[in-house]
């Protein structure tokens, strides 16, 4: 019996409960059939109007759209023209269409590109240094950076960091560090979408003697890279404790003039909150709100030590949060109240922090930790549902970045940032629920293809536009200089145990 025959079937003699259930089922099937026809016609019409073939079609995948309906199309397809998605849905949307390139997803999961909402991807040369040192940031890292960081180190580190992300399914990153133009060149070379910030601090940084020079540098950075197809220039003042009120006001003024977004470390340390309360009588969030950081795209990284009043300020003022679960539990800092923030209406994305903090900078590797630790802290195995975690890595992160109209879901008109996750490995079988499998089973080894802005930039663990071996060799050479500077012996002389004594490094 087809849909039309079922619609004509006389149901008046059936019991009421059966009649209602049947009518509901028929309504859903009719709606689905009409929706499929609309999507197929849309894909065909757009390609016909542009008098061109589709550039890329992904077929035979389980399409996890992350749209408002959380649509999943088993055995579906995605049609791409240029850098945009034309249609995503059932297989029928691509029937009769030809493309310059086709990918058989082989029953894998086709998902929106993963978003890393907070990172320092140029810091790959520092990965593993100073582990376990007290106050590692101020007493070890900052002096080392002042001595050793230059543009060449930043670009070499950023190329390897960008490669690490794209081969693992990350298509977009929010990044903070010095020499933003060198990080932008690395992002462009590898093919990752990036919101790249100029770091600003009161103290000297590798590229600026003070915050005023940092702001001048930032103004040029914003102008020089405005309108780039992959790189969005932003501001990344370090933190409320590393900048005085004049510097923070200068950041707000530049954001107002340029319309750019801001990202900053906020409420990452307990002493940070205590210090500001003593000096200003305010929490870090309340202090930033008073200085004008609300009512703009402001991505607050960490937010571990926030109270109910802070959360209300953030929700009211449109602040968003980058939730860096793995880096924060590794450092023993604590865990941001992500579920509570989401319930209050605050947009939350997932971040990895830098290679020196969480070590790995792949978003996919964060998913299981985010769910499991939230459940543990709540003593509730349903406290953080897997679908919520996937949302924070895709469309939720896009909202946090102010980019939900452009990326974060597989919908017509959005940028074609897409990842294919294989499901043929033993640990991915059987497949009952796409969100459960993504969060609790999938690993970076399962990433089959990464597509950014409509272009395949990685396949089966290899970046397509970069010599990965050369990128790794460049960072090893930088690492040798860093090790010598802090007094670490070569690995072959240390018995493989290159961790220094628990002492501070002073330049």
Foldseek 3Di string as FASTA:
>chain_A
DDLVVLVPDDCPVPPPVVVVVSVVVSVVVVVVVVVLVVLLVQLVVVCVVVVHAFAEKEFQEFEQFLDPVRDTAHRAMWTHHFQFTRGTHHNNSCPPGDHNYYHYLNHFYKWFFFEAEEAAQLCLLCFPALPPFPPCVPQAVQQLQQPADDLVSSLLSLLLSLLLAQLLRHQEYEHEDAPQVSNVVSCVLLVHAYAYAQEFFQDCGNVAHGRVRSLVVLLVVQVVCPPPPRYHYAHEHEEPVRHDLVSLLSNQVSCVVRVGEYEYAAPQAPVQQVVCCVVPVDGRLVVSVVSPNFQGLYEHEDQFDDDPVSLLSCQVRQAAYAWQQQLSVSVVGGGRPVLVSVVSPHQYAYHNYYCHRNVRGYLLVCQQRVQVVQCVVVVHNPRQPLVNSLQNRFLSSCSSRVRNQATRGRGGPHGPWMWTFDQPDPQNPDDDDPSCCSRPGGGSQRTAFTAHSRRTQYGRSGGDSDDNVVSVVSSVVSSVVSCVVQVFDPCVVVVNDRHDPNDGGHD
